[in-house]
Amino acid sequence: MQVGNWMEKDFEKIPVGLNVGKVKEILKNDRSSCGMVCDGDKFVGIVKAGEILGIDDSQPVSDYVENVVYTLDAQDTLDEAAVFFLESDMERLPVLEDGKIVGVLTLFQILDAFTQMAGFGEGGIRLEIELKDTPGELKRVIDVLYAHSMNILSVLIHPAKEVGKRVAILRVHGKNVKDLSKILDLNNVSYRSIIKEEEI
């Protein structure tokens, strides 16, 4: 999933020649703690609402523009963008193409994308399984689900606290937790939890 498919293309650009008072107004209307300062389409930097809060409205905003270390490209992946957000401690990052700003990615869009990737809100059954960190372990579980015509909506995997183990979270289409539990037990697939989720 690429940044270009999730970024805001229609966003407020703050001209570098504005005064602080006008910028305060823009940020308030945009309900944002920072704005993208531009010279035409060329990205200049950001201005933070907190940094200009007590500044006289007549002052030029150019005096309060901060350079941005982390910028994105439309071809970057969302997981790369998530790392940038963690390292930058910002809620919005500019998306640039040849120095020109073409979009803005927000933390909300990252969360929205990841919840969709996780299949959250589609309903069905959420299954959490601890697996040995060896080839074929996940396939064994998927083969069991396939043999019982259970459609997989999403798969997420992360390291377990125990060395040599991984945790797989699968969302599968279905409504009957007891039936799925019985299928897993009969096929010696142990699980941490199995929960029915409602569609949102």
N, C-alpha and C. Protein backbone atom coordinates (compact mmCIF):
# COMPACT_ATOMS: atom_id res chain seq x y z
N MET A 1 0.85 -1.19 0.00
CA MET A 1 0.00 0.00 0.00
C MET A 1 0.89 1.24 0.00
N GLN A 2 0.70 2.07 -1.01
CA GLN A 2 1.58 3.21 -1.20
C GLN A 2 0.96 4.51 -0.67
N VAL A 3 1.84 5.40 -0.27
CA VAL A 3 1.43 6.69 0.29
C VAL A 3 0.52 7.45 -0.68
N GLY A 4 0.84 7.39 -1.98
CA GLY A 4 0.07 8.13 -2.97
C GLY A 4 -1.40 7.76 -3.02
N ASN A 5 -1.74 6.54 -2.59
CA ASN A 5 -3.13 6.11 -2.61
C ASN A 5 -3.91 6.56 -1.38
N TRP A 6 -3.21 7.07 -0.38
CA TRP A 6 -3.86 7.43 0.89
C TRP A 6 -3.70 8.90 1.26
N MET A 7 -2.78 9.59 0.64
CA MET A 7 -2.50 10.98 1.03
C MET A 7 -3.66 11.91 0.66
N GLU A 8 -3.73 13.04 1.36
CA GLU A 8 -4.67 14.11 1.01
C GLU A 8 -4.07 14.89 -0.15
N LYS A 9 -4.83 15.05 -1.21
CA LYS A 9 -4.36 15.86 -2.34
C LYS A 9 -4.95 17.26 -2.28
N ASP A 10 -6.07 17.39 -1.58
CA ASP A 10 -6.73 18.68 -1.42
C ASP A 10 -6.45 19.17 0.00
N PHE A 11 -5.44 20.00 0.16
CA PHE A 11 -5.05 20.46 1.48
C PHE A 11 -4.67 21.94 1.40
N GLU A 12 -4.65 22.58 2.55
CA GLU A 12 -4.35 24.02 2.62
C GLU A 12 -2.84 24.24 2.56
N LYS A 13 -2.41 25.02 1.55
CA LYS A 13 -1.01 25.42 1.47
C LYS A 13 -0.90 26.82 2.07
N ILE A 14 0.10 27.01 2.91
CA ILE A 14 0.31 28.32 3.54
C ILE A 14 1.39 29.06 2.77
N PRO A 15 1.02 30.14 2.06
CA PRO A 15 2.03 30.91 1.32
C PRO A 15 3.08 31.49 2.27
N VAL A 16 4.33 31.42 1.89
CA VAL A 16 5.43 31.85 2.74
C VAL A 16 5.37 33.34 3.08
N GLY A 17 4.65 34.13 2.28
CA GLY A 17 4.58 35.57 2.51
C GLY A 17 3.51 36.02 3.48
N LEU A 18 2.73 35.10 4.04
CA LEU A 18 1.64 35.48 4.96
C LEU A 18 2.18 35.94 6.31
N ASN A 19 1.32 36.69 7.03
CA ASN A 19 1.68 37.06 8.40
C ASN A 19 1.13 36.02 9.37
N VAL A 20 1.61 36.09 10.60
CA VAL A 20 1.27 35.10 11.62
C VAL A 20 -0.23 35.05 11.90
N GLY A 21 -0.89 36.21 11.92
CA GLY A 21 -2.31 36.25 12.22
C GLY A 21 -3.13 35.44 11.24
N LYS A 22 -2.83 35.57 9.94
CA LYS A 22 -3.56 34.81 8.91
C LYS A 22 -3.29 33.32 9.04
N VAL A 23 -2.06 32.97 9.39
CA VAL A 23 -1.70 31.56 9.54
C VAL A 23 -2.43 30.94 10.73
N LYS A 24 -2.52 31.68 11.82
CA LYS A 24 -3.29 31.20 12.99
C LYS A 24 -4.72 30.87 12.58
N GLU A 25 -5.30 31.76 11.77
CA GLU A 25 -6.68 31.57 11.31
C GLU A 25 -6.80 30.32 10.44
N ILE A 26 -5.83 30.13 9.54
CA ILE A 26 -5.84 28.95 8.65
C ILE A 26 -5.75 27.66 9.48
N LEU A 27 -4.81 27.63 10.42
CA LEU A 27 -4.62 26.42 11.23
C LEU A 27 -5.84 26.13 12.09
N LYS A 28 -6.48 27.19 12.59
CA LYS A 28 -7.68 27.00 13.41
C LYS A 28 -8.81 26.42 12.57
N ASN A 29 -9.02 26.97 11.37
CA ASN A 29 -10.07 26.48 10.49
C ASN A 29 -9.79 25.06 10.01
N ASP A 30 -8.52 24.73 9.86
CA ASP A 30 -8.10 23.40 9.41
C ASP A 30 -8.03 22.40 10.56
N ARG A 31 -8.18 22.91 11.77
CA ARG A 31 -8.09 22.08 12.99
C ARG A 31 -6.79 21.27 13.01
N SER A 32 -5.71 21.97 12.71
CA SER A 32 -4.41 21.31 12.63
C SER A 32 -3.40 22.00 13.53
N SER A 33 -2.48 21.20 14.03
CA SER A 33 -1.43 21.77 14.88
C SER A 33 -0.22 22.21 14.06
N CYS A 34 -0.21 21.90 12.77
CA CYS A 34 0.88 22.38 11.91
C CYS A 34 0.39 22.52 10.48
N GLY A 35 1.04 23.43 9.74
CA GLY A 35 0.66 23.67 8.36
C GLY A 35 1.86 23.59 7.43
N MET A 36 1.58 23.33 6.15
CA MET A 36 2.61 23.20 5.13
C MET A 36 2.85 24.57 4.48
N VAL A 37 4.04 25.10 4.66
CA VAL A 37 4.39 26.42 4.11
C VAL A 37 5.03 26.22 2.75
N CYS A 38 4.53 26.94 1.75
CA CYS A 38 4.97 26.75 0.38
C CYS A 38 5.27 28.08 -0.29
N ASP A 39 6.13 28.01 -1.28
CA ASP A 39 6.38 29.13 -2.18
C ASP A 39 5.87 28.66 -3.54
N GLY A 40 4.62 28.97 -3.84
CA GLY A 40 3.94 28.36 -4.98
C GLY A 40 3.71 26.90 -4.65
N ASP A 41 4.20 25.98 -5.49
CA ASP A 41 4.10 24.54 -5.21
C ASP A 41 5.34 24.01 -4.50
N LYS A 42 6.38 24.84 -4.42
CA LYS A 42 7.63 24.41 -3.78
C LYS A 42 7.46 24.38 -2.27
N PHE A 43 7.79 23.24 -1.67
CA PHE A 43 7.67 23.09 -0.22
C PHE A 43 8.81 23.81 0.47
N VAL A 44 8.47 24.63 1.48
CA VAL A 44 9.47 25.40 2.22
C VAL A 44 9.73 24.79 3.59
N GLY A 45 8.67 24.41 4.30
CA GLY A 45 8.79 23.85 5.64
C GLY A 45 7.44 23.84 6.32
N ILE A 46 7.44 23.67 7.63
CA ILE A 46 6.18 23.65 8.37
C ILE A 46 6.15 24.78 9.39
N VAL A 47 4.96 25.13 9.78
CA VAL A 47 4.77 26.07 10.88
C VAL A 47 3.85 25.39 11.89
N LYS A 48 4.26 25.41 13.16
CA LYS A 48 3.48 24.76 14.21
C LYS A 48 2.65 25.79 14.95
N ALA A 49 1.40 25.44 15.19
CA ALA A 49 0.49 26.36 15.88
C ALA A 49 1.03 26.75 17.25
N GLY A 50 1.62 25.80 17.95
CA GLY A 50 2.15 26.07 19.28
C GLY A 50 3.29 27.06 19.28
N GLU A 51 4.05 27.11 18.17
CA GLU A 51 5.21 27.99 18.08
C GLU A 51 4.84 29.44 17.79
N ILE A 52 3.64 29.65 17.22
CA ILE A 52 3.23 31.02 16.88
C ILE A 52 2.09 31.52 17.77
N LEU A 53 1.75 30.72 18.77
CA LEU A 53 0.60 31.04 19.63
C LEU A 53 0.69 32.43 20.25
N GLY A 54 1.82 32.78 20.83
CA GLY A 54 1.95 34.07 21.50
C GLY A 54 2.63 35.15 20.67
N ILE A 55 2.81 34.88 19.39
CA ILE A 55 3.51 35.81 18.51
C ILE A 55 2.55 36.85 17.96
N ASP A 56 3.03 38.09 17.83
CA ASP A 56 2.23 39.19 17.28
C ASP A 56 1.74 38.83 15.87
N ASP A 57 0.46 39.09 15.63
CA ASP A 57 -0.16 38.70 14.36
C ASP A 57 0.48 39.35 13.14
N SER A 58 1.13 40.47 13.32
CA SER A 58 1.70 41.19 12.17
C SER A 58 3.05 40.64 11.73
N GLN A 59 3.64 39.76 12.53
CA GLN A 59 4.96 39.22 12.20
C GLN A 59 4.88 38.30 10.98
N PRO A 60 5.94 38.27 10.15
CA PRO A 60 5.94 37.36 8.99
C PRO A 60 6.09 35.90 9.44
N VAL A 61 5.30 35.04 8.86
CA VAL A 61 5.37 33.62 9.25
C VAL A 61 6.69 33.00 8.84
N SER A 62 7.36 33.59 7.85
CA SER A 62 8.64 33.04 7.38
C SER A 62 9.68 32.96 8.49
N ASP A 63 9.52 33.80 9.54
CA ASP A 63 10.46 33.77 10.66
C ASP A 63 10.25 32.54 11.55
N TYR A 64 9.14 31.83 11.37
CA TYR A 64 8.80 30.72 12.26
C TYR A 64 8.65 29.39 11.51
N VAL A 65 9.13 29.37 10.29
CA VAL A 65 9.07 28.14 9.50
C VAL A 65 10.19 27.20 9.93
N GLU A 66 9.85 25.94 10.13
CA GLU A 66 10.83 24.92 10.52
C GLU A 66 11.12 24.00 9.34
N ASN A 67 12.38 23.62 9.21
CA ASN A 67 12.74 22.61 8.21
C ASN A 67 12.19 21.26 8.63
N VAL A 68 11.88 20.42 7.67
CA VAL A 68 11.35 19.08 7.94
C VAL A 68 12.39 18.06 7.52
N VAL A 69 12.81 17.25 8.47
CA VAL A 69 13.81 16.21 8.18
C VAL A 69 13.17 15.06 7.40
N TYR A 70 11.93 14.73 7.78
CA TYR A 70 11.26 13.58 7.18
C TYR A 70 10.20 14.03 6.19
N THR A 71 10.39 13.68 4.93
CA THR A 71 9.39 13.91 3.91
C THR A 71 9.11 12.58 3.21
N LEU A 72 7.97 12.50 2.56
CA LEU A 72 7.56 11.26 1.91
C LEU A 72 7.51 11.43 0.40
N ASP A 73 7.57 10.30 -0.27
CA ASP A 73 7.37 10.22 -1.71
C ASP A 73 6.08 9.43 -1.92
N ALA A 74 5.35 9.73 -2.98
CA ALA A 74 4.09 9.03 -3.24
C ALA A 74 4.29 7.52 -3.40
N GLN A 75 5.52 7.10 -3.78
CA GLN A 75 5.81 5.68 -3.98
C GLN A 75 6.22 4.96 -2.68
N ASP A 76 6.44 5.73 -1.62
CA ASP A 76 6.80 5.10 -0.34
C ASP A 76 5.65 4.23 0.16
N THR A 77 5.98 3.22 0.93
CA THR A 77 4.94 2.37 1.50
C THR A 77 4.44 2.95 2.82
N LEU A 78 3.26 2.53 3.22
CA LEU A 78 2.68 3.05 4.45
C LEU A 78 3.46 2.61 5.69
N ASP A 79 4.08 1.43 5.65
CA ASP A 79 4.87 1.02 6.81
C ASP A 79 6.12 1.87 6.94
N GLU A 80 6.71 2.28 5.80
CA GLU A 80 7.84 3.22 5.85
C GLU A 80 7.37 4.56 6.43
N ALA A 81 6.21 5.01 5.99
CA ALA A 81 5.65 6.27 6.49
C ALA A 81 5.38 6.19 8.00
N ALA A 82 4.91 5.05 8.47
CA ALA A 82 4.63 4.89 9.90
C ALA A 82 5.90 5.05 10.73
N VAL A 83 7.01 4.51 10.22
CA VAL A 83 8.30 4.67 10.91
C VAL A 83 8.70 6.14 10.95
N PHE A 84 8.51 6.85 9.84
CA PHE A 84 8.82 8.28 9.80
C PHE A 84 8.00 9.05 10.83
N PHE A 85 6.72 8.70 10.97
CA PHE A 85 5.87 9.37 11.96
C PHE A 85 6.41 9.14 13.37
N LEU A 86 6.82 7.93 13.66
CA LEU A 86 7.36 7.62 14.98
C LEU A 86 8.64 8.40 15.26
N GLU A 87 9.48 8.53 14.25
CA GLU A 87 10.77 9.20 14.43
C GLU A 87 10.64 10.72 14.42
N SER A 88 9.63 11.23 13.72
CA SER A 88 9.51 12.69 13.57
C SER A 88 8.64 13.32 14.66
N ASP A 89 7.79 12.53 15.31
CA ASP A 89 6.88 13.05 16.32
C ASP A 89 5.97 14.14 15.74
N MET A 90 5.52 13.93 14.49
CA MET A 90 4.62 14.86 13.82
C MET A 90 3.31 14.16 13.50
N GLU A 91 2.25 14.95 13.32
CA GLU A 91 0.95 14.37 12.98
C GLU A 91 0.65 14.44 11.49
N ARG A 92 1.45 15.25 10.74
CA ARG A 92 1.28 15.38 9.30
C ARG A 92 2.67 15.43 8.65
N LEU A 93 2.81 14.73 7.53
CA LEU A 93 4.07 14.76 6.80
C LEU A 93 3.81 15.14 5.35
N PRO A 94 4.68 15.98 4.76
CA PRO A 94 4.50 16.37 3.36
C PRO A 94 4.93 15.26 2.41
N VAL A 95 4.21 15.16 1.30
CA VAL A 95 4.57 14.22 0.24
C VAL A 95 5.10 15.07 -0.92
N LEU A 96 6.37 14.84 -1.28
CA LEU A 96 7.04 15.69 -2.27
C LEU A 96 7.37 14.94 -3.56
N GLU A 97 7.40 15.72 -4.63
CA GLU A 97 7.85 15.20 -5.92
C GLU A 97 8.69 16.29 -6.57
N ASP A 98 9.99 16.04 -6.68
CA ASP A 98 10.93 17.03 -7.22
C ASP A 98 10.86 18.36 -6.45
N GLY A 99 10.76 18.26 -5.14
CA GLY A 99 10.74 19.45 -4.29
C GLY A 99 9.39 20.13 -4.19
N LYS A 100 8.44 19.69 -5.01
CA LYS A 100 7.09 20.27 -4.97
C LYS A 100 6.18 19.41 -4.10
N ILE A 101 5.31 20.07 -3.34
CA ILE A 101 4.40 19.33 -2.47
C ILE A 101 3.18 18.87 -3.28
N VAL A 102 2.92 17.57 -3.24
CA VAL A 102 1.80 17.00 -4.00
C VAL A 102 0.73 16.41 -3.10
N GLY A 103 1.03 16.35 -1.79
CA GLY A 103 0.06 15.80 -0.86
C GLY A 103 0.55 15.88 0.57
N VAL A 104 -0.35 15.49 1.46
CA VAL A 104 -0.04 15.44 2.89
C VAL A 104 -0.59 14.13 3.43
N LEU A 105 0.22 13.45 4.23
CA LEU A 105 -0.23 12.22 4.88
C LEU A 105 -0.36 12.48 6.37
N THR A 106 -1.48 12.05 6.94
CA THR A 106 -1.73 12.27 8.36
C THR A 106 -1.70 10.95 9.12
N LEU A 107 -1.57 11.06 10.43
CA LEU A 107 -1.62 9.87 11.29
C LEU A 107 -2.96 9.15 11.15
N PHE A 108 -4.04 9.93 10.99
CA PHE A 108 -5.36 9.33 10.84
C PHE A 108 -5.41 8.42 9.61
N GLN A 109 -4.80 8.87 8.52
CA GLN A 109 -4.81 8.06 7.30
C GLN A 109 -4.00 6.77 7.47
N ILE A 110 -2.90 6.87 8.22
CA ILE A 110 -2.11 5.66 8.51
C ILE A 110 -2.97 4.66 9.30
N LEU A 111 -3.64 5.15 10.34
CA LEU A 111 -4.49 4.28 11.16
C LEU A 111 -5.63 3.69 10.34
N ASP A 112 -6.24 4.51 9.50
CA ASP A 112 -7.34 4.05 8.65
C ASP A 112 -6.86 2.94 7.72
N ALA A 113 -5.70 3.14 7.11
CA ALA A 113 -5.16 2.12 6.19
C ALA A 113 -4.84 0.82 6.92
N PHE A 114 -4.21 0.93 8.09
CA PHE A 114 -3.83 -0.28 8.81
C PHE A 114 -5.03 -1.05 9.34
N THR A 115 -6.08 -0.34 9.76
CA THR A 115 -7.28 -1.07 10.22
C THR A 115 -7.95 -1.78 9.05
N GLN A 116 -7.89 -1.18 7.86
CA GLN A 116 -8.44 -1.86 6.68
C GLN A 116 -7.59 -3.07 6.31
N MET A 117 -6.25 -2.91 6.40
CA MET A 117 -5.36 -4.03 6.11
C MET A 117 -5.60 -5.19 7.07
N ALA A 118 -5.95 -4.86 8.30
CA ALA A 118 -6.18 -5.89 9.32
C ALA A 118 -7.55 -6.53 9.21
N GLY A 119 -8.40 -6.00 8.32
CA GLY A 119 -9.73 -6.56 8.15
C GLY A 119 -10.68 -6.17 9.27
N PHE A 120 -10.26 -5.19 10.09
CA PHE A 120 -11.11 -4.77 11.20
C PHE A 120 -12.40 -4.14 10.67
N GLY A 121 -13.51 -4.53 11.25
CA GLY A 121 -14.79 -3.96 10.85
C GLY A 121 -15.53 -4.80 9.82
N GLU A 122 -14.88 -5.87 9.31
CA GLU A 122 -15.54 -6.71 8.31
C GLU A 122 -16.39 -7.81 8.94
N GLY A 123 -16.33 -7.92 10.26
CA GLY A 123 -17.06 -8.99 10.92
C GLY A 123 -16.30 -10.30 10.82
N GLY A 124 -16.97 -11.39 11.16
CA GLY A 124 -16.33 -12.70 11.10
C GLY A 124 -15.75 -13.11 12.45
N ILE A 125 -14.69 -13.89 12.40
CA ILE A 125 -14.08 -14.43 13.62
C ILE A 125 -12.60 -14.04 13.66
N ARG A 126 -12.18 -13.53 14.81
CA ARG A 126 -10.77 -13.16 15.02
C ARG A 126 -10.10 -14.30 15.78
N LEU A 127 -9.05 -14.82 15.19
CA LEU A 127 -8.35 -15.98 15.73
C LEU A 127 -6.90 -15.61 16.01
N GLU A 128 -6.45 -15.83 17.24
CA GLU A 128 -5.06 -15.53 17.59
C GLU A 128 -4.34 -16.82 17.93
N ILE A 129 -3.26 -17.09 17.19
CA ILE A 129 -2.54 -18.35 17.32
C ILE A 129 -1.06 -18.09 17.56
N GLU A 130 -0.46 -18.84 18.47
CA GLU A 130 0.99 -18.78 18.66
C GLU A 130 1.62 -19.91 17.87
N LEU A 131 2.59 -19.56 17.01
CA LEU A 131 3.21 -20.53 16.13
C LEU A 131 4.71 -20.62 16.39
N LYS A 132 5.28 -21.78 16.09
CA LYS A 132 6.73 -21.88 16.06
C LYS A 132 7.23 -21.05 14.89
N ASP A 133 8.36 -20.37 15.07
CA ASP A 133 8.91 -19.52 14.02
C ASP A 133 9.72 -20.37 13.03
N THR A 134 9.00 -21.26 12.35
CA THR A 134 9.64 -22.16 11.39
C THR A 134 8.79 -22.20 10.11
N PRO A 135 9.42 -22.48 8.96
CA PRO A 135 8.67 -22.54 7.71
C PRO A 135 7.56 -23.59 7.76
N GLY A 136 6.39 -23.24 7.22
CA GLY A 136 5.29 -24.19 7.11
C GLY A 136 4.28 -24.15 8.23
N GLU A 137 4.60 -23.48 9.34
CA GLU A 137 3.68 -23.45 10.49
C GLU A 137 2.38 -22.73 10.15
N LEU A 138 2.50 -21.57 9.53
CA LEU A 138 1.30 -20.82 9.17
C LEU A 138 0.52 -21.55 8.07
N LYS A 139 1.23 -22.15 7.12
CA LYS A 139 0.58 -22.88 6.04
C LYS A 139 -0.28 -24.01 6.59
N ARG A 140 0.19 -24.65 7.64
CA ARG A 140 -0.57 -25.76 8.25
C ARG A 140 -1.94 -25.26 8.72
N VAL A 141 -1.96 -24.07 9.34
CA VAL A 141 -3.22 -23.50 9.83
C VAL A 141 -4.11 -23.11 8.65
N ILE A 142 -3.50 -22.47 7.66
CA ILE A 142 -4.27 -22.03 6.49
C ILE A 142 -4.87 -23.24 5.75
N ASP A 143 -4.11 -24.32 5.67
CA ASP A 143 -4.62 -25.53 5.01
C ASP A 143 -5.85 -26.08 5.74
N VAL A 144 -5.84 -26.02 7.05
CA VAL A 144 -6.99 -26.48 7.84
C VAL A 144 -8.21 -25.62 7.53
N LEU A 145 -8.01 -24.31 7.50
CA LEU A 145 -9.13 -23.41 7.21
C LEU A 145 -9.64 -23.62 5.79
N TYR A 146 -8.70 -23.80 4.85
CA TYR A 146 -9.08 -24.03 3.46
C TYR A 146 -9.89 -25.32 3.30
N ALA A 147 -9.47 -26.36 4.01
CA ALA A 147 -10.16 -27.65 3.92
C ALA A 147 -11.59 -27.56 4.41
N HIS A 148 -11.90 -26.56 5.22
CA HIS A 148 -13.26 -26.37 5.73
C HIS A 148 -13.94 -25.15 5.10
N SER A 149 -13.42 -24.75 3.93
CA SER A 149 -14.01 -23.66 3.13
C SER A 149 -14.19 -22.36 3.91
N MET A 150 -13.19 -22.04 4.74
CA MET A 150 -13.25 -20.81 5.52
C MET A 150 -12.39 -19.75 4.84
N ASN A 151 -13.03 -18.67 4.42
CA ASN A 151 -12.35 -17.60 3.72
C ASN A 151 -11.58 -16.72 4.70
N ILE A 152 -10.29 -16.48 4.42
CA ILE A 152 -9.46 -15.65 5.29
C ILE A 152 -9.57 -14.19 4.85
N LEU A 153 -9.93 -13.30 5.77
CA LEU A 153 -10.09 -11.88 5.48
C LEU A 153 -8.78 -11.12 5.64
N SER A 154 -7.96 -11.51 6.62
CA SER A 154 -6.67 -10.85 6.82
C SER A 154 -5.77 -11.72 7.69
N VAL A 155 -4.46 -11.47 7.56
CA VAL A 155 -3.46 -12.16 8.37
C VAL A 155 -2.43 -11.13 8.83
N LEU A 156 -2.20 -11.06 10.14
CA LEU A 156 -1.14 -10.23 10.70
C LEU A 156 -0.24 -11.12 11.55
N ILE A 157 1.06 -10.87 11.47
CA ILE A 157 2.00 -11.69 12.24
C ILE A 157 2.99 -10.78 12.95
N HIS A 158 3.28 -11.09 14.21
CA HIS A 158 4.29 -10.35 14.94
C HIS A 158 5.05 -11.29 15.87
N PRO A 159 6.27 -10.92 16.28
CA PRO A 159 7.04 -11.78 17.16
C PRO A 159 6.35 -11.97 18.52
N ALA A 160 6.42 -13.17 19.05
CA ALA A 160 5.90 -13.43 20.39
C ALA A 160 6.96 -13.05 21.42
N LYS A 161 6.55 -12.95 22.67
CA LYS A 161 7.52 -12.64 23.73
C LYS A 161 8.53 -13.77 23.89
N GLU A 162 8.06 -14.99 23.66
CA GLU A 162 8.94 -16.15 23.76
C GLU A 162 9.80 -16.28 22.51
N VAL A 163 11.09 -16.46 22.68
CA VAL A 163 12.01 -16.60 21.56
C VAL A 163 11.64 -17.84 20.74
N GLY A 164 11.69 -17.69 19.41
CA GLY A 164 11.39 -18.82 18.53
C GLY A 164 9.91 -18.99 18.25
N LYS A 165 9.10 -18.02 18.67
CA LYS A 165 7.65 -18.09 18.45
C LYS A 165 7.17 -16.82 17.76
N ARG A 166 6.06 -16.95 17.04
CA ARG A 166 5.38 -15.80 16.43
C ARG A 166 3.89 -15.90 16.73
N VAL A 167 3.24 -14.77 16.73
CA VAL A 167 1.80 -14.72 16.95
C VAL A 167 1.14 -14.34 15.63
N ALA A 168 0.20 -15.15 15.19
CA ALA A 168 -0.57 -14.87 13.98
C ALA A 168 -1.99 -14.50 14.39
N ILE A 169 -2.47 -13.40 13.85
CA ILE A 169 -3.86 -12.98 14.07
C ILE A 169 -4.57 -13.08 12.74
N LEU A 170 -5.52 -13.98 12.66
CA LEU A 170 -6.26 -14.19 11.43
C LEU A 170 -7.72 -13.79 11.64
N ARG A 171 -8.26 -13.12 10.63
CA ARG A 171 -9.70 -12.86 10.63
C ARG A 171 -10.27 -13.71 9.51
N VAL A 172 -11.27 -14.52 9.85
CA VAL A 172 -11.87 -15.42 8.87
C VAL A 172 -13.37 -15.16 8.79
N HIS A 173 -13.90 -15.41 7.61
CA HIS A 173 -15.33 -15.25 7.42
C HIS A 173 -16.05 -16.39 8.12
N GLY A 174 -17.01 -16.08 8.90
CA GLY A 174 -17.76 -17.09 9.63
C GLY A 174 -18.43 -16.49 10.84
N LYS A 175 -19.39 -17.23 11.41
CA LYS A 175 -20.15 -16.72 12.55
C LYS A 175 -20.10 -17.64 13.76
N ASN A 176 -19.79 -18.90 13.52
CA ASN A 176 -19.89 -19.86 14.61
C ASN A 176 -18.51 -20.16 15.23
N VAL A 177 -18.27 -19.56 16.37
CA VAL A 177 -17.00 -19.73 17.08
C VAL A 177 -16.82 -21.17 17.54
N LYS A 178 -17.90 -21.80 18.00
CA LYS A 178 -17.81 -23.17 18.50
C LYS A 178 -17.39 -24.14 17.40
N ASP A 179 -17.95 -23.95 16.21
CA ASP A 179 -17.58 -24.83 15.09
C ASP A 179 -16.11 -24.67 14.72
N LEU A 180 -15.64 -23.43 14.66
CA LEU A 180 -14.24 -23.20 14.33
C LEU A 180 -13.33 -23.76 15.42
N SER A 181 -13.72 -23.57 16.66
CA SER A 181 -12.94 -24.10 17.78
C SER A 181 -12.80 -25.62 17.68
N LYS A 182 -13.90 -26.28 17.33
CA LYS A 182 -13.89 -27.74 17.20
C LYS A 182 -12.97 -28.18 16.05
N ILE A 183 -13.03 -27.44 14.93
CA ILE A 183 -12.18 -27.76 13.78
C ILE A 183 -10.71 -27.64 14.17
N LEU A 184 -10.36 -26.58 14.88
CA LEU A 184 -8.96 -26.38 15.28
C LEU A 184 -8.51 -27.45 16.26
N ASP A 185 -9.37 -27.79 17.20
CA ASP A 185 -9.03 -28.83 18.19
C ASP A 185 -8.79 -30.18 17.51
N LEU A 186 -9.65 -30.53 16.56
CA LEU A 186 -9.53 -31.82 15.86
C LEU A 186 -8.25 -31.90 15.04
N ASN A 187 -7.75 -30.72 14.61
CA ASN A 187 -6.54 -30.69 13.79
C ASN A 187 -5.29 -30.27 14.58
N ASN A 188 -5.42 -30.32 15.91
CA ASN A 188 -4.29 -30.01 16.81
C ASN A 188 -3.70 -28.62 16.56
N VAL A 189 -4.57 -27.66 16.31
CA VAL A 189 -4.14 -26.27 16.17
C VAL A 189 -4.54 -25.54 17.45
N SER A 190 -3.54 -25.21 18.27
CA SER A 190 -3.85 -24.53 19.53
C SER A 190 -3.95 -23.02 19.26
N TYR A 191 -4.79 -22.36 20.03
CA TYR A 191 -4.99 -20.93 19.82
C TYR A 191 -5.07 -20.21 21.16
N ARG A 192 -4.67 -18.94 21.13
CA ARG A 192 -4.73 -18.10 22.33
C ARG A 192 -6.15 -17.61 22.59
N SER A 193 -6.81 -17.16 21.51
CA SER A 193 -8.17 -16.65 21.64
C SER A 193 -8.91 -16.81 20.33
N ILE A 194 -10.23 -16.85 20.44
CA ILE A 194 -11.08 -16.95 19.27
C ILE A 194 -12.36 -16.16 19.60
N ILE A 195 -12.59 -15.09 18.83
CA ILE A 195 -13.65 -14.15 19.17
C ILE A 195 -14.48 -13.81 17.94
N LYS A 196 -15.80 -13.80 18.12
CA LYS A 196 -16.68 -13.35 17.05
C LYS A 196 -16.70 -11.82 17.03
N GLU A 197 -16.55 -11.24 15.83
CA GLU A 197 -16.57 -9.79 15.69
C GLU A 197 -17.76 -9.38 14.83
N GLU A 198 -18.34 -8.27 15.20
CA GLU A 198 -19.47 -7.74 14.43
C GLU A 198 -18.96 -6.86 13.30
N GLU A 199 -19.72 -6.83 12.22
CA GLU A 199 -19.37 -5.96 11.10
C GLU A 199 -19.69 -4.51 11.48
N ILE A 200 -18.79 -3.61 11.15
CA ILE A 200 -18.99 -2.19 11.48
C ILE A 200 -19.30 -1.41 10.21
